Amino acid sequence: MSYRRRIYYSSAQRAEIWDRWQRGESMSSIGRRFDRESSSVFSVISPSGGIRPPERKRGRQALSLAEREEISRGLSAGVALRSIARGLARAPSTISRDIKRNGGPGRYRAAASDQAAWDRGLRPKVCKLACEPALCCAVSAKLRRKWSPEQIAGWLRRAFPGELHRQVSHETIYRSLYIQARGVLKKELLEHLRARRTIRRSRHASLKRHGLGQIKDMVSISERPACIEDRAIPGHWEGDLIGGTKNSYIATLVERQSRYVMLVKVANKDTRSVVSGLIRQTQKLPRELYRSLTWDRGKELADHRRLTLASDVEVYFCDPQSPWQRGTNENTNRLLRQYFPKGIDLSLYSQAKLSAVARQLNERPRKTLDYQTPAERFQACVAATR
């Protein structure tokens, strides 16, 4: 039986692996750089959950290896501790403690003592979530409700101002999830994150692409008024479809100012079904809160003129291959994939179920809203129209 030779990476190679990983390169791409399999890269990245370990540095006042070599030579020559300390410009107590800590005058060795000091420095700092059980339970509960770590951190700052023991950073939550050695948050909670991966990935890792759609009489997004662009007035929406198996789709609408979400059940992707579903949904809103709709180049809105005639809403279309021009909706669709993962039949969801999911998403605080919820913002807009 043959065994594969164990692969080792030098410190410089490990640093390059982490640099490339943080730039968004895949493990396969990184492995090809070193002419190795992606599994060997995974062995470097996975122990810390895809989060780059901090670079270890010697403390400013800690003894160096060179100083420990001077101590070792002085002990061998029978020099007094005070003389050794004076030669190194150190306190005698510093020299005495280091000698006692590392075997005493007869067994002190510079290299072994220096390595022991590095090993002792590995003692981990206790995670804040481990010290605050109530805070840990609160974070776990919000994660189960599919809140992101950043939303949780922002909500805690808003709910408990000045109470630092009841607040935690989103980075601490991520590290507690992905670095299981901390033993604080259970690994099962990873399933409630939007990106269900076992290691943390760089934000530069992926880029969503969209195709083209030829639509007659469409109005380009470049002709959209400035008041829509700066989100100064409510009532301007962005829309799209998310797909599932068996030719099933859901129409998603998000209001630009408040980030309020509405989900619309549609029979399929043809323009008649989609436009009819959008018209039906718009009838539930005050006219002042449904002024315009921005869509991509998908042909499901080819009959946009019927939508405009029925609801008096102006429809604008993104430039080709530019889904980022309706970025609010793109971000919302990513959030919705937590509730509707790829590969499921979306036709099984009733409109009531879709509305319940939209309600849950609208009750999640948003960073861009200073951790208010879209429901709060949208309700204020509704009140202003009365």
Protein backbone atom coordinates (compact mmCIF):
# COMPACT_ATOMS: atom_id res chain seq x y z
CA MET A 1 0.00 0.00 0.00
CA SER A 2 1.47 3.36 -1.06
CA TYR A 3 1.30 6.49 1.03
CA ARG A 4 1.35 10.05 -0.21
CA ARG A 5 4.24 12.18 0.98
CA ARG A 6 3.19 14.71 3.58
CA ILE A 7 3.25 18.27 2.28
CA TYR A 8 4.83 21.07 4.28
CA TYR A 9 4.61 24.80 3.60
CA SER A 10 7.24 27.28 4.72
CA SER A 11 6.29 30.45 6.63
CA ALA A 12 6.64 32.51 3.45
CA GLN A 13 4.43 30.08 1.50
CA ARG A 14 1.79 30.11 4.22
CA ALA A 15 1.78 33.91 4.17
CA GLU A 16 1.28 33.86 0.39
CA ILE A 17 -1.55 31.33 0.73
CA TRP A 18 -3.34 33.64 3.15
CA ASP A 19 -2.70 36.68 0.93
CA ARG A 20 -4.23 34.91 -2.07
CA TRP A 21 -7.13 33.54 -0.03
CA GLN A 22 -7.98 37.03 1.24
CA ARG A 23 -7.91 38.35 -2.33
CA GLY A 24 -10.65 35.85 -3.19
CA GLU A 25 -8.68 33.15 -5.03
CA SER A 26 -10.01 29.59 -4.90
CA MET A 27 -8.14 26.76 -3.20
CA SER A 28 -7.60 25.09 -6.57
CA SER A 29 -5.99 28.25 -7.95
CA ILE A 30 -3.77 28.62 -4.91
CA GLY A 31 -2.78 24.95 -5.10
CA ARG A 32 -1.74 25.32 -8.76
CA ARG A 33 0.56 28.17 -7.74
CA PHE A 34 2.54 25.70 -5.60
CA ASP A 35 1.96 22.71 -7.90
CA ARG A 36 -0.07 20.98 -5.19
CA GLU A 37 -3.61 19.75 -4.61
CA SER A 38 -6.29 22.03 -3.20
CA SER A 39 -6.59 19.69 -0.19
CA SER A 40 -3.15 20.78 0.99
CA VAL A 41 -4.30 24.41 0.90
CA PHE A 42 -7.43 23.44 2.83
CA SER A 43 -5.25 21.98 5.59
CA VAL A 44 -3.64 25.41 6.04
CA ILE A 45 -6.85 27.45 5.95
CA SER A 46 -9.42 25.24 7.71
CA PRO A 47 -7.98 25.05 11.28
CA SER A 48 -8.73 28.75 11.78
CA GLY A 49 -12.04 28.63 9.90
CA GLY A 50 -10.74 30.60 6.91
CA ILE A 51 -9.85 33.54 9.18
CA ARG A 52 -6.21 34.56 8.94
CA PRO A 53 -4.44 34.09 12.28
CA PRO A 54 -2.81 37.25 13.63
CA GLU A 55 0.91 37.51 13.09
CA ARG A 56 2.78 36.67 16.28
CA LYS A 57 5.19 39.34 17.53
CA ARG A 58 7.54 39.45 20.47
CA GLY A 59 6.50 41.84 23.22
CA ARG A 60 8.39 45.11 23.34
CA GLN A 61 9.74 44.42 26.83
CA ALA A 62 10.20 40.65 26.46
CA LEU A 63 13.68 39.10 26.48
CA SER A 64 15.07 38.32 23.03
CA LEU A 65 16.96 35.22 21.95
CA ALA A 66 20.20 37.24 21.83
CA GLU A 67 19.67 38.40 25.42
CA ARG A 68 18.99 34.86 26.56
CA GLU A 69 22.24 33.74 24.90
CA GLU A 70 24.10 36.37 26.93
CA ILE A 71 22.42 35.08 30.08
CA SER A 72 23.43 31.50 29.23
CA ARG A 73 27.05 32.51 28.59
CA GLY A 74 27.15 34.51 31.81
CA LEU A 75 25.87 31.58 33.84
CA SER A 76 28.44 29.25 32.26
CA ALA A 77 31.21 31.71 33.13
CA GLY A 78 29.95 32.15 36.72
CA VAL A 79 29.08 35.80 36.33
CA ALA A 80 26.75 37.22 39.02
CA LEU A 81 23.14 37.87 38.04
CA ARG A 82 23.42 41.59 38.78
CA SER A 83 26.40 41.87 36.46
CA ILE A 84 24.50 40.05 33.68
CA ALA A 85 21.50 42.33 34.22
CA ARG A 86 23.70 45.44 34.16
CA GLY A 87 25.29 44.36 30.89
CA LEU A 88 21.86 43.88 29.30
CA ALA A 89 20.36 47.04 30.85
CA ARG A 90 17.72 44.89 32.49
CA ALA A 91 16.40 44.62 36.02
CA PRO A 92 18.05 41.79 38.03
CA SER A 93 14.58 40.47 38.88
CA THR A 94 13.82 40.02 35.15
CA ILE A 95 16.93 37.88 34.70
CA SER A 96 16.29 35.93 37.90
CA ARG A 97 12.68 35.11 36.97
CA ASP A 98 13.63 33.92 33.48
CA ILE A 99 16.32 31.61 34.88
CA LYS A 100 14.01 30.12 37.50
CA ARG A 101 11.22 29.70 34.95
CA ASN A 102 13.48 27.71 32.63
CA GLY A 103 15.28 25.14 34.79
CA GLY A 104 17.53 27.16 37.07
CA PRO A 105 21.22 28.17 36.65
CA GLY A 106 22.45 24.63 35.98
CA ARG A 107 19.91 23.74 33.23
CA TYR A 108 19.25 27.10 31.58
CA ARG A 109 19.64 27.02 27.77
CA ALA A 110 18.95 30.04 25.54
CA ALA A 111 17.20 28.35 22.60
CA ALA A 112 15.00 26.14 24.80
CA SER A 113 14.09 29.07 27.06
CA ASP A 114 13.17 31.25 24.10
CA GLN A 115 10.95 28.53 22.57
CA ALA A 116 9.29 27.96 25.94
CA ALA A 117 8.49 31.67 26.13
CA TRP A 118 6.81 31.51 22.69
CA ASP A 119 4.84 28.43 23.77
CA ARG A 120 3.64 30.10 26.95
CA GLY A 121 2.48 33.05 24.85
CA LEU A 122 -0.01 30.77 23.09
CA ARG A 123 -2.35 30.85 26.07
CA PRO A 124 -5.65 31.92 24.45
CA LYS A 125 -7.57 34.94 25.63
CA VAL A 126 -11.00 33.86 26.85
CA CYS A 127 -13.69 34.80 24.31
CA LYS A 128 -16.20 37.42 25.47
CA LEU A 129 -19.11 35.14 24.61
CA ALA A 130 -17.61 32.49 26.90
CA CYS A 131 -17.49 34.98 29.78
CA GLU A 132 -21.05 36.28 29.27
CA PRO A 133 -23.53 33.36 29.09
CA ALA A 134 -26.56 35.66 28.75
CA LEU A 135 -24.95 37.46 25.81
CA CYS A 136 -24.07 34.13 24.20
CA CYS A 137 -27.69 32.94 24.49
CA ALA A 138 -28.95 36.18 22.96
CA VAL A 139 -26.56 35.87 20.02
CA SER A 140 -27.52 32.21 19.48
CA ALA A 141 -31.23 33.09 19.49
CA LYS A 142 -30.77 35.81 16.87
CA LEU A 143 -28.66 33.53 14.69
CA ARG A 144 -31.48 30.97 14.74
CA ARG A 145 -33.78 33.72 13.48
CA LYS A 146 -31.35 34.11 10.54
CA TRP A 147 -29.96 37.48 11.65
CA SER A 148 -26.43 38.11 10.37
CA PRO A 149 -23.61 38.68 12.91
CA GLU A 150 -23.38 42.31 11.77
CA GLN A 151 -27.10 42.84 12.33
CA ILE A 152 -26.84 41.25 15.78
CA ALA A 153 -23.88 43.45 16.77
CA GLY A 154 -25.64 46.60 15.56
CA TRP A 155 -28.88 45.70 17.32
CA LEU A 156 -27.03 45.08 20.60
CA ARG A 157 -25.35 48.49 20.40
CA ARG A 158 -28.72 50.12 19.78
CA ALA A 159 -30.65 48.13 22.39
CA PHE A 160 -28.05 48.39 25.19
CA PRO A 161 -26.13 51.67 24.78
CA GLY A 162 -23.34 52.08 27.31
CA GLU A 163 -23.62 48.46 28.53
CA LEU A 164 -20.45 47.00 27.06
CA HIS A 165 -20.94 43.64 28.77
CA ARG A 166 -24.12 43.21 26.69
CA GLN A 167 -22.47 44.08 23.37
CA VAL A 168 -20.17 42.11 21.07
CA SER A 169 -18.58 42.80 17.69
CA HIS A 170 -19.67 40.93 14.58
CA GLU A 171 -16.09 39.75 14.11
CA THR A 172 -16.16 38.01 17.49
CA ILE A 173 -19.38 36.23 16.48
CA TYR A 174 -17.86 35.11 13.17
CA ARG A 175 -14.71 33.84 14.90
CA SER A 176 -16.75 31.96 17.49
CA LEU A 177 -18.71 30.27 14.70
CA TYR A 178 -15.87 29.39 12.37
CA ILE A 179 -13.19 28.62 14.96
CA GLN A 180 -14.83 25.74 16.79
CA ALA A 181 -11.85 25.38 19.14
CA ARG A 182 -13.30 28.29 21.08
CA GLY A 183 -16.18 26.04 22.10
CA VAL A 184 -18.71 28.87 22.44
CA LEU A 185 -21.24 28.83 19.56
CA LYS A 186 -22.36 25.48 18.17
CA LYS A 187 -21.37 24.58 14.63
CA GLU A 188 -25.02 23.93 13.75
CA LEU A 189 -25.63 27.69 13.89
CA LEU A 190 -23.60 28.05 10.69
CA GLU A 191 -26.63 26.65 8.87
CA HIS A 192 -28.54 29.85 9.70
CA LEU A 193 -26.02 32.15 8.01
CA ARG A 194 -26.74 33.40 4.52
CA ALA A 195 -23.57 31.78 3.17
CA ARG A 196 -23.61 28.20 4.46
CA ARG A 197 -19.92 27.43 4.21
CA THR A 198 -17.68 25.75 6.76
CA ILE A 199 -14.90 28.31 6.46
CA ARG A 200 -15.11 32.06 6.11
CA ARG A 201 -14.67 33.42 2.59
CA SER A 202 -13.37 36.73 1.30
CA ARG A 203 -15.94 39.27 0.14
CA HIS A 204 -14.06 39.40 -3.19
CA ALA A 205 -14.60 35.71 -3.87
CA SER A 206 -17.63 35.82 -6.12
CA LEU A 207 -19.29 38.04 -8.70
CA LYS A 208 -22.79 37.44 -9.92
CA ARG A 209 -23.41 37.62 -13.69
CA HIS A 210 -26.64 38.30 -15.53
CA GLY A 211 -27.63 37.81 -19.13
CA LEU A 212 -29.21 40.17 -21.66
CA GLY A 213 -32.82 40.77 -22.54
CA GLN A 214 -34.20 42.68 -25.53
CA ILE A 215 -37.29 44.68 -24.53
CA LYS A 216 -39.27 47.10 -26.69
CA ASP A 217 -39.88 50.71 -25.64
CA MET A 218 -37.81 50.34 -22.52
CA VAL A 219 -36.61 53.39 -20.59
CA SER A 220 -32.95 53.21 -19.54
CA ILE A 221 -31.88 53.68 -15.95
CA SER A 222 -29.77 56.61 -17.16
CA GLU A 223 -33.04 58.53 -17.61
CA ARG A 224 -34.13 57.91 -14.06
CA PRO A 225 -34.62 61.21 -12.14
CA ALA A 226 -32.05 62.28 -9.55
CA CYS A 227 -34.66 62.16 -6.76
CA ILE A 228 -34.82 58.39 -7.25
CA GLU A 229 -31.06 58.02 -7.34
CA ASP A 230 -30.42 59.74 -3.99
CA ARG A 231 -33.26 57.87 -2.19
CA ALA A 232 -34.68 61.19 -0.98
CA ILE A 233 -38.32 60.25 -1.72
CA PRO A 234 -39.97 56.93 -0.76
CA GLY A 235 -41.96 54.87 -3.23
CA HIS A 236 -39.25 53.84 -5.67
CA TRP A 237 -38.72 50.08 -5.94
CA GLU A 238 -36.27 47.59 -7.42
CA GLY A 239 -37.39 44.15 -8.59
CA ASP A 240 -36.18 40.79 -9.84
CA LEU A 241 -37.03 37.09 -9.93
CA ILE A 242 -35.41 34.31 -7.91
CA GLY A 243 -35.72 30.84 -9.39
CA GLY A 244 -36.19 27.31 -8.14
CA THR A 245 -36.63 23.87 -9.62
CA LYS A 246 -39.49 22.83 -11.95
CA ASN A 247 -39.64 26.28 -13.55
CA SER A 248 -40.76 27.92 -10.31
CA TYR A 249 -40.13 31.59 -9.49
CA ILE A 250 -40.83 34.30 -6.93
CA ALA A 251 -40.90 38.02 -7.77
CA THR A 252 -39.02 40.15 -5.24
CA LEU A 253 -39.60 43.86 -4.66
CA VAL A 254 -37.60 46.12 -2.36
CA GLU A 255 -38.20 49.80 -1.64
CA ARG A 256 -35.00 51.82 -2.13
CA GLN A 257 -35.30 54.20 0.83
CA SER A 258 -36.59 51.89 3.58
CA ARG A 259 -35.35 48.51 2.17
CA TYR A 260 -38.87 47.18 2.74
CA VAL A 261 -39.39 43.83 0.98
CA MET A 262 -42.45 42.35 -0.71
CA LEU A 263 -42.62 38.87 -2.25
CA VAL A 264 -45.02 37.99 -5.04
CA LYS A 265 -46.09 34.47 -6.01
CA VAL A 266 -46.00 34.02 -9.81
CA ALA A 267 -47.10 31.02 -11.84
CA ASN A 268 -43.98 31.01 -14.02
CA LYS A 269 -41.47 33.31 -15.71
CA ASP A 270 -43.56 34.47 -18.66
CA THR A 271 -44.28 38.18 -18.83
CA ARG A 272 -48.06 37.78 -18.45
CA SER A 273 -47.75 35.96 -15.11
CA VAL A 274 -45.07 38.26 -13.72
CA VAL A 275 -46.74 41.53 -14.71
CA SER A 276 -50.13 40.32 -13.43
CA GLY A 277 -48.54 39.39 -10.10
CA LEU A 278 -46.88 42.81 -9.80
CA ILE A 279 -50.11 44.63 -10.62
CA ARG A 280 -51.95 42.58 -7.99
CA GLN A 281 -49.30 43.44 -5.38
CA THR A 282 -49.26 47.17 -6.16
CA GLN A 283 -52.96 47.46 -5.40
CA LYS A 284 -52.11 46.88 -1.72
CA LEU A 285 -49.99 50.04 -1.53
CA PRO A 286 -50.88 53.74 -1.36
CA ARG A 287 -50.24 55.40 -4.72
CA GLU A 288 -47.65 57.70 -3.14
CA LEU A 289 -45.56 54.69 -2.19
CA TYR A 290 -45.38 53.10 -5.64
CA ARG A 291 -43.90 55.62 -8.05
CA SER A 292 -41.26 53.70 -10.01
CA LEU A 293 -39.77 50.25 -10.54
CA THR A 294 -36.24 49.41 -11.68
CA TRP A 295 -35.69 45.98 -13.26
CA ASP A 296 -32.86 44.19 -15.05
CA ARG A 297 -32.99 43.15 -18.73
CA GLY A 298 -35.01 39.99 -18.09
CA LYS A 299 -37.78 39.39 -20.63
CA GLU A 300 -40.24 38.64 -17.85
CA LEU A 301 -41.01 42.38 -17.89
CA ALA A 302 -41.37 42.67 -21.66
CA ASP A 303 -44.99 43.75 -21.15
CA HIS A 304 -43.96 46.62 -18.87
CA ARG A 305 -46.36 49.00 -20.62
CA ARG A 306 -49.32 47.07 -19.18
CA LEU A 307 -47.84 47.49 -15.71
CA THR A 308 -47.48 51.25 -16.25
CA LEU A 309 -51.05 51.61 -17.56
CA ALA A 310 -52.53 49.59 -14.68
CA SER A 311 -50.58 51.13 -11.79
CA ASP A 312 -49.20 54.43 -13.16
CA VAL A 313 -45.68 53.32 -12.19
CA GLU A 314 -42.65 54.26 -14.28
CA VAL A 315 -40.45 51.27 -15.20
CA TYR A 316 -36.70 51.66 -15.75
CA PHE A 317 -34.27 49.03 -16.99
CA CYS A 318 -30.63 48.49 -16.07
CA ASP A 319 -27.83 48.61 -18.61
CA PRO A 320 -26.71 45.28 -20.12
CA GLN A 321 -24.71 43.10 -17.71
CA SER A 322 -25.16 45.66 -14.92
CA PRO A 323 -27.28 44.07 -12.17
CA TRP A 324 -25.32 46.15 -9.63
CA GLN A 325 -27.38 49.15 -10.80
CA ARG A 326 -30.22 47.73 -8.70
CA GLY A 327 -27.90 46.68 -5.90
CA THR A 328 -30.51 47.00 -3.14
CA ASN A 329 -32.52 44.22 -4.76
CA GLU A 330 -29.41 42.12 -5.42
CA ASN A 331 -28.47 42.27 -1.73
CA THR A 332 -32.04 41.45 -0.73
CA ASN A 333 -32.10 38.40 -2.99
CA ARG A 334 -28.98 37.13 -1.27
CA LEU A 335 -30.75 37.48 2.09
CA LEU A 336 -33.77 35.65 0.72
CA ARG A 337 -31.66 32.66 -0.26
CA GLN A 338 -31.47 31.88 3.46
CA TYR A 339 -35.19 31.15 3.31
CA PHE A 340 -35.35 29.81 -0.26
CA PRO A 341 -32.12 27.88 -0.98
CA LYS A 342 -31.23 27.00 -4.54
CA GLY A 343 -32.55 23.65 -5.73
CA ILE A 344 -36.01 23.75 -4.14
CA ASP A 345 -39.45 23.97 -5.73
CA LEU A 346 -40.70 27.52 -5.07
CA SER A 347 -44.19 26.73 -6.34
CA LEU A 348 -44.88 24.91 -3.06
CA TYR A 349 -44.92 28.22 -1.18
CA SER A 350 -48.27 29.98 -0.86
CA GLN A 351 -48.61 33.76 -0.96
CA ALA A 352 -49.31 33.68 2.79
CA LYS A 353 -46.02 31.88 3.41
CA LEU A 354 -44.15 34.34 1.19
CA SER A 355 -45.67 37.25 3.10
CA ALA A 356 -44.58 35.66 6.40
CA VAL A 357 -41.01 35.37 5.15
CA ALA A 358 -41.07 38.98 3.94
CA ARG A 359 -42.37 40.06 7.36
CA GLN A 360 -39.53 38.24 9.11
CA LEU A 361 -36.96 39.84 6.81
CA ASN A 362 -38.50 43.29 7.31
CA GLU A 363 -38.13 42.88 11.08
CA ARG A 364 -34.37 42.31 10.83
CA PRO A 365 -32.29 45.43 11.61
CA ARG A 366 -30.11 46.79 8.81
CA LYS A 367 -26.72 48.45 9.12
CA THR A 368 -27.55 50.91 6.34
CA LEU A 369 -30.60 52.04 8.37
CA ASP A 370 -28.54 52.57 11.55
CA TYR A 371 -29.87 49.18 12.69
CA GLN A 372 -33.51 50.18 12.46
CA THR A 373 -35.76 47.69 10.71
CA PRO A 374 -37.25 48.20 7.23
CA ALA A 375 -40.69 47.75 8.80
CA GLU A 376 -40.09 50.72 11.09
CA ARG A 377 -38.93 52.94 8.23
CA PHE A 378 -41.71 51.89 5.88
CA GLN A 379 -44.41 52.37 8.52
CA ALA A 380 -43.17 55.94 8.96
CA CYS A 381 -43.57 56.46 5.20
CA VAL A 382 -47.11 55.07 5.30
CA ALA A 383 -48.01 57.34 8.21
CA ALA A 384 -46.69 60.36 6.29
CA THR A 385 -49.07 59.69 3.38
CA ARG A 386 -52.18 59.85 5.56
